[in-house]
């Protein structure tokens, strides 16, 4: 009877150790997840004054060079956003005809 009781205690000790290990792993991995989420923000690479027509050519030229068709959103008749989905994140080109500028930004995964 005592042997069965000791065996039961050893199993409980093993279960407790597994639970402690899992909790420790969760505590260690949580900051990594939170940091990667915080780092995945948009970064402006370049912003300059350019005509709206030239900016649209930048989108077309980028599409040809990257060999990827962007998702294009016509926000208004003077604002267009092109998003290129790449392996490591998104490349966004925003043409603003009202402000007269182009903004190129990235958002990494």
C-alpha atoms as a PDB file:
ATOM      1  CA  UNK A   1       0.000   0.000   0.000  1.00  0.00           C
ATOM      2  CA  UNK A   2       2.804   2.391   0.845  1.00  0.00           C
ATOM      3  CA  UNK A   3       4.444   1.655  -2.517  1.00  0.00           C
ATOM      4  CA  UNK A   4       1.276   2.630  -4.365  1.00  0.00           C
ATOM      5  CA  UNK A   5       1.021   5.814  -2.322  1.00  0.00           C
ATOM      6  CA  UNK A   6       4.663   6.754  -3.067  1.00  0.00           C
ATOM      7  CA  UNK A   7       4.165   6.028  -6.765  1.00  0.00           C
ATOM      8  CA  UNK A   8       1.112   8.290  -6.763  1.00  0.00           C
ATOM      9  CA  UNK A   9       3.105  11.080  -5.095  1.00  0.00           C
ATOM     10  CA  UNK A  10       5.894  10.742  -7.688  1.00  0.00           C
ATOM     11  CA  UNK A  11       3.313  11.095 -10.486  1.00  0.00           C
ATOM     12  CA  UNK A  12       1.917  14.214  -8.822  1.00  0.00           C
ATOM     13  CA  UNK A  13       5.457  15.612  -8.516  1.00  0.00           C
ATOM     14  CA  UNK A  14       6.013  14.959 -12.224  1.00  0.00           C
ATOM     15  CA  UNK A  15       2.720  16.679 -13.103  1.00  0.00           C
ATOM     16  CA  UNK A  16       3.665  19.672 -10.947  1.00  0.00           C
ATOM     17  CA  UNK A  17       7.089  19.890 -12.601  1.00  0.00           C
ATOM     18  CA  UNK A  18       5.479  19.832 -16.043  1.00  0.00           C
ATOM     19  CA  UNK A  19       3.072  22.566 -15.031  1.00  0.00           C
ATOM     20  CA  UNK A  20       5.931  24.667 -13.641  1.00  0.00           C
ATOM     21  CA  UNK A  21       7.932  24.187 -16.842  1.00  0.00           C
ATOM     22  CA  UNK A  22       4.967  25.164 -19.001  1.00  0.00           C
ATOM     23  CA  UNK A  23       4.300  28.259 -16.902  1.00  0.00           C
ATOM     24  CA  UNK A  24       7.963  29.226 -17.017  1.00  0.00           C
ATOM     25  CA  UNK A  25       8.035  28.838 -20.804  1.00  0.00           C
ATOM     26  CA  UNK A  26       4.910  30.980 -21.126  1.00  0.00           C
ATOM     27  CA  UNK A  27       6.459  33.703 -18.982  1.00  0.00           C
ATOM     28  CA  UNK A  28       9.659  33.655 -21.033  1.00  0.00           C
ATOM     29  CA  UNK A  29       7.909  33.670 -24.418  1.00  0.00           C
ATOM     30  CA  UNK A  30       5.337  36.366 -23.607  1.00  0.00           C
ATOM     31  CA  UNK A  31       7.791  39.299 -23.875  1.00  0.00           C
ATOM     32  CA  UNK A  32       9.059  37.960 -27.207  1.00  0.00           C
ATOM     33  CA  UNK A  33       5.516  37.934 -28.594  1.00  0.00           C
ATOM     34  CA  UNK A  34       4.786  41.401 -27.221  1.00  0.00           C
ATOM     35  CA  UNK A  35       8.039  42.845 -28.595  1.00  0.00           C
ATOM     36  CA  UNK A  36       7.455  41.395 -32.051  1.00  0.00           C
ATOM     37  CA  UNK A  37       3.968  42.904 -32.074  1.00  0.00           C
ATOM     38  CA  UNK A  38       5.325  46.270 -30.996  1.00  0.00           C
ATOM     39  CA  UNK A  39       8.046  46.173 -33.646  1.00  0.00           C
ATOM     40  CA  UNK A  40       5.552  45.498 -36.435  1.00  0.00           C
ATOM     41  CA  UNK A  41       4.774  49.138 -37.092  1.00  0.00           C
ATOM     42  CA  UNK A  42       4.863  51.278 -40.178  1.00  0.00           C
ATOM     43  CA  UNK A  43       8.174  52.985 -40.941  1.00  0.00           C
ATOM     44  CA  UNK A  44       8.382  55.799 -43.496  1.00  0.00           C
ATOM     45  CA  UNK A  45      11.327  55.186 -45.804  1.00  0.00           C
ATOM     46  CA  UNK A  46      10.947  58.205 -48.038  1.00  0.00           C
ATOM     47  CA  UNK A  47       8.685  61.201 -48.396  1.00  0.00           C
ATOM     48  CA  UNK A  48       9.108  63.892 -51.021  1.00  0.00           C
ATOM     49  CA  UNK A  49       7.258  66.479 -53.073  1.00  0.00           C
ATOM     50  CA  UNK A  50       6.234  65.102 -56.446  1.00  0.00           C
ATOM     51  CA  UNK A  51       3.345  65.611 -58.833  1.00  0.00           C
ATOM     52  CA  UNK A  52       0.437  63.205 -58.669  1.00  0.00           C
ATOM     53  CA  UNK A  53       1.072  61.935 -62.210  1.00  0.00           C
ATOM     54  CA  UNK A  54       4.742  61.206 -61.463  1.00  0.00           C
ATOM     55  CA  UNK A  55       3.718  59.465 -58.271  1.00  0.00           C
ATOM     56  CA  UNK A  56       1.398  57.170 -60.221  1.00  0.00           C
ATOM     57  CA  UNK A  57       4.375  56.334 -62.447  1.00  0.00           C
ATOM     58  CA  UNK A  58       6.342  55.421 -59.308  1.00  0.00           C
ATOM     59  CA  UNK A  59       3.659  52.840 -58.489  1.00  0.00           C
ATOM     60  CA  UNK A  60       3.770  51.431 -62.036  1.00  0.00           C
ATOM     61  CA  UNK A  61       7.581  51.328 -62.073  1.00  0.00           C
ATOM     62  CA  UNK A  62       7.639  49.618 -58.667  1.00  0.00           C
ATOM     63  CA  UNK A  63       5.139  47.036 -59.897  1.00  0.00           C
ATOM     64  CA  UNK A  64       7.381  46.285 -62.890  1.00  0.00           C
ATOM     65  CA  UNK A  65      10.574  46.074 -60.803  1.00  0.00           C
ATOM     66  CA  UNK A  66       9.041  43.978 -58.020  1.00  0.00           C
ATOM     67  CA  UNK A  67       7.028  41.796 -60.431  1.00  0.00           C
ATOM     68  CA  UNK A  68       4.165  41.933 -57.949  1.00  0.00           C
ATOM     69  CA  UNK A  69       0.759  43.487 -58.510  1.00  0.00           C
ATOM     70  CA  UNK A  70      -0.176  45.765 -55.622  1.00  0.00           C
ATOM     71  CA  UNK A  71      -3.531  46.100 -53.945  1.00  0.00           C
ATOM     72  CA  UNK A  72      -4.610  49.585 -54.983  1.00  0.00           C
ATOM     73  CA  UNK A  73      -7.073  51.726 -53.085  1.00  0.00           C
ATOM     74  CA  UNK A  74      -8.381  54.905 -54.688  1.00  0.00           C
ATOM     75  CA  UNK A  75      -9.079  56.969 -51.592  1.00  0.00           C
ATOM     76  CA  UNK A  76     -10.176  59.928 -53.716  1.00  0.00           C
ATOM     77  CA  UNK A  77      -9.537  61.293 -57.189  1.00  0.00           C
ATOM     78  CA  UNK A  78      -6.277  62.817 -55.885  1.00  0.00           C
ATOM     79  CA  UNK A  79      -5.142  60.131 -53.445  1.00  0.00           C
ATOM     80  CA  UNK A  80      -4.115  56.564 -54.206  1.00  0.00           C
ATOM     81  CA  UNK A  81      -2.527  53.925 -51.964  1.00  0.00           C
ATOM     82  CA  UNK A  82      -0.687  50.915 -53.401  1.00  0.00           C
ATOM     83  CA  UNK A  83       0.270  48.060 -51.052  1.00  0.00           C
ATOM     84  CA  UNK A  84       2.813  45.494 -52.218  1.00  0.00           C
ATOM     85  CA  UNK A  85       2.783  42.322 -50.126  1.00  0.00           C
ATOM     86  CA  UNK A  86       6.339  41.009 -49.817  1.00  0.00           C
ATOM     87  CA  UNK A  87       7.802  38.022 -47.994  1.00  0.00           C
ATOM     88  CA  UNK A  88       8.912  40.045 -44.968  1.00  0.00           C
ATOM     89  CA  UNK A  89       6.069  42.570 -44.857  1.00  0.00           C
ATOM     90  CA  UNK A  90       4.254  45.244 -46.841  1.00  0.00           C
ATOM     91  CA  UNK A  91       5.607  48.075 -48.958  1.00  0.00           C
ATOM     92  CA  UNK A  92       3.142  50.962 -49.227  1.00  0.00           C
ATOM     93  CA  UNK A  93       3.289  53.806 -51.717  1.00  0.00           C
ATOM     94  CA  UNK A  94       0.877  56.649 -51.036  1.00  0.00           C
ATOM     95  CA  UNK A  95       0.273  59.290 -53.701  1.00  0.00           C
ATOM     96  CA  UNK A  96      -1.321  62.463 -52.385  1.00  0.00           C
ATOM     97  CA  UNK A  97      -2.187  64.910 -55.165  1.00  0.00           C
ATOM     98  CA  UNK A  98      -3.613  67.490 -52.750  1.00  0.00           C
ATOM     99  CA  UNK A  99      -0.408  67.688 -50.691  1.00  0.00           C
ATOM    100  CA  UNK A 100       1.694  66.967 -53.788  1.00  0.00           C
ATOM    101  CA  UNK A 101       3.864  64.264 -52.274  1.00  0.00           C
ATOM    102  CA  UNK A 102       4.702  60.581 -52.313  1.00  0.00           C
ATOM    103  CA  UNK A 103       5.214  58.549 -49.158  1.00  0.00           C
ATOM    104  CA  UNK A 104       6.939  55.161 -49.234  1.00  0.00           C
ATOM    105  CA  UNK A 105       6.653  53.099 -46.078  1.00  0.00           C
ATOM    106  CA  UNK A 106       7.175  49.556 -44.871  1.00  0.00           C
ATOM    107  CA  UNK A 107       5.417  47.374 -42.353  1.00  0.00           C
ATOM    108  CA  UNK A 108       7.381  44.281 -41.389  1.00  0.00           C
ATOM    109  CA  UNK A 109       5.913  40.994 -40.211  1.00  0.00           C
END
